[in-house]
Amino acid sequence: MLNKLNLLMEKLNQDPAFKKEGFGEYLTGTMTLGFGENQYTLAFYKGTILEVFKGIPLTGIDIAVIGPEEGWQKFYEHKNFYRAINPHHGKLSLQGNYIRAQTNINCLEYLCTKLCEL
């Protein structure tokens, strides 16, 4: 998964639509993606992903989308981010600073949807 996320980092850093349409230009901080027992963190500065690493930062979770492997598999099939994080329909959840997560929901959606395409 780390290789896949590094590939995602390369693609998003070269994708001007991520910063504009995905509102990534406003994201500075960390985003953690949890796949079952494994967590991976992407570090952002003004919409550019600086690094991807396994684990959670020592400062804790800033913004996260976390869920079981089966929740991610269903998301990969239907590619509907809002359905995947809805507790009535999906198994993924937003964690960390909920206000920041909601503020950056378009960026989260864009990133997770692009992850499905890899």
Protein backbone atom coordinates (compact mmCIF):
# COMPACT_ATOMS: atom_id res chain seq x y z
CA MET A 1 0.00 0.00 0.00
CA LEU A 2 2.89 2.37 0.67
CA ASN A 3 3.99 2.08 -2.97
CA LYS A 4 0.44 2.82 -4.12
CA LEU A 5 0.27 5.90 -1.90
CA ASN A 6 3.64 7.12 -3.17
CA LEU A 7 2.28 6.79 -6.70
CA LEU A 8 -0.81 8.74 -5.60
CA MET A 9 1.48 11.44 -4.19
CA GLU A 10 3.27 11.76 -7.54
CA LYS A 11 0.00 11.94 -9.48
CA LEU A 12 -1.69 14.48 -7.19
CA ASN A 13 1.38 16.71 -7.02
CA GLN A 14 1.30 16.89 -10.84
CA ASP A 15 -2.48 17.32 -11.03
CA PRO A 16 -3.54 21.00 -11.07
CA ALA A 17 -7.18 19.93 -10.66
CA PHE A 18 -6.39 18.55 -7.20
CA LYS A 19 -5.47 22.00 -5.96
CA LYS A 20 -8.33 23.80 -7.71
CA GLU A 21 -11.28 21.40 -8.07
CA GLY A 22 -10.35 19.37 -5.01
CA PHE A 23 -9.53 22.50 -3.01
CA GLY A 24 -6.20 20.92 -2.09
CA GLU A 25 -4.45 24.28 -2.20
CA TYR A 26 -5.86 25.04 1.25
CA LEU A 27 -4.67 21.84 2.94
CA THR A 28 -1.69 22.08 5.24
CA GLY A 29 -1.36 19.31 7.80
CA THR A 30 -1.58 15.55 7.77
CA MET A 31 -4.14 13.12 6.43
CA THR A 32 -4.13 9.55 7.68
CA LEU A 33 -5.73 6.69 5.76
CA GLY A 34 -6.47 3.56 7.76
CA PHE A 35 -6.83 0.22 5.99
CA GLY A 36 -7.77 -2.27 8.67
CA GLU A 37 -4.87 -2.45 11.12
CA ASN A 38 -2.53 -0.42 8.88
CA GLN A 39 -2.40 3.37 8.86
CA TYR A 40 -0.55 5.58 6.38
CA THR A 41 -0.10 9.32 6.65
CA LEU A 42 0.28 11.92 3.92
CA ALA A 43 1.90 15.21 4.96
CA PHE A 44 0.65 18.30 3.08
CA TYR A 45 1.84 21.86 2.72
CA LYS A 46 -0.47 24.19 0.77
CA GLY A 47 -1.82 21.29 -1.26
CA THR A 48 1.50 19.66 -2.07
CA ILE A 49 2.12 16.23 -0.58
CA LEU A 50 5.58 16.35 0.97
CA GLU A 51 5.82 12.74 2.12
CA VAL A 52 3.93 9.53 2.73
CA PHE A 53 4.82 7.26 5.63
CA LYS A 54 3.45 4.27 7.47
CA GLY A 55 1.87 4.98 10.83
CA ILE A 56 0.33 7.89 12.65
CA PRO A 57 2.31 11.09 13.34
CA LEU A 58 3.56 11.62 16.90
CA THR A 59 1.34 14.69 17.02
CA GLY A 60 -1.71 12.46 16.49
CA ILE A 61 -4.31 12.30 13.78
CA ASP A 62 -5.12 15.61 12.10
CA ILE A 63 -7.64 14.35 9.52
CA ALA A 64 -8.31 10.66 8.84
CA VAL A 65 -10.42 8.29 6.80
CA ILE A 66 -10.28 4.94 8.53
CA GLY A 67 -12.08 1.66 8.07
CA PRO A 68 -11.78 -2.08 7.62
CA GLU A 69 -10.38 -3.55 4.40
CA GLU A 70 -13.89 -4.60 3.36
CA GLY A 71 -15.09 -0.99 3.69
CA TRP A 72 -12.33 0.17 1.35
CA GLN A 73 -13.11 -2.67 -1.09
CA LYS A 74 -16.75 -1.58 -1.29
CA PHE A 75 -15.63 2.03 -1.80
CA TYR A 76 -13.32 0.90 -4.65
CA GLU A 77 -16.35 -0.74 -6.27
CA HIS A 78 -18.92 2.07 -6.03
CA LYS A 79 -16.47 5.05 -5.81
CA ASN A 80 -18.98 7.15 -3.87
CA PHE A 81 -17.04 8.80 -1.03
CA TYR A 82 -20.10 10.17 0.78
CA ARG A 83 -21.77 6.76 0.74
CA ALA A 84 -18.58 5.14 2.05
CA ILE A 85 -18.37 7.47 5.08
CA ASN A 86 -22.11 7.42 5.81
CA PRO A 87 -22.66 5.17 8.87
CA HIS A 88 -25.90 3.81 7.36
CA HIS A 89 -24.27 2.72 4.08
CA GLY A 90 -20.49 2.48 4.44
CA LYS A 91 -17.84 1.26 6.83
CA LEU A 92 -15.33 4.10 6.51
CA SER A 93 -15.31 6.93 9.02
CA LEU A 94 -13.82 10.37 9.43
CA GLN A 95 -11.58 10.70 12.47
CA GLY A 96 -9.30 13.27 14.00
CA ASN A 97 -10.30 16.93 13.95
CA TYR A 98 -13.84 16.66 12.62
CA ILE A 99 -14.15 20.37 11.82
CA ARG A 100 -10.97 20.25 9.71
CA ALA A 101 -12.22 17.06 8.06
CA GLN A 102 -15.49 18.74 7.08
CA THR A 103 -13.64 21.85 5.92
CA ASN A 104 -11.44 19.71 3.68
CA ILE A 105 -14.13 17.21 2.63
CA ASN A 106 -13.70 18.01 -1.09
CA CYS A 107 -9.98 17.39 -0.83
CA LEU A 108 -10.59 14.09 1.04
CA GLU A 109 -13.11 13.01 -1.59
CA TYR A 110 -10.81 13.89 -4.50
CA LEU A 111 -7.83 12.10 -2.95
CA CYS A 112 -9.76 8.95 -2.04
CA THR A 113 -11.47 8.79 -5.44
CA LYS A 114 -8.07 9.09 -7.21
CA LEU A 115 -6.79 6.31 -4.95
CA CYS A 116 -9.54 4.07 -6.38
CA GLU A 117 -8.20 4.65 -9.88
CA LEU A 118 -4.74 3.24 -9.10
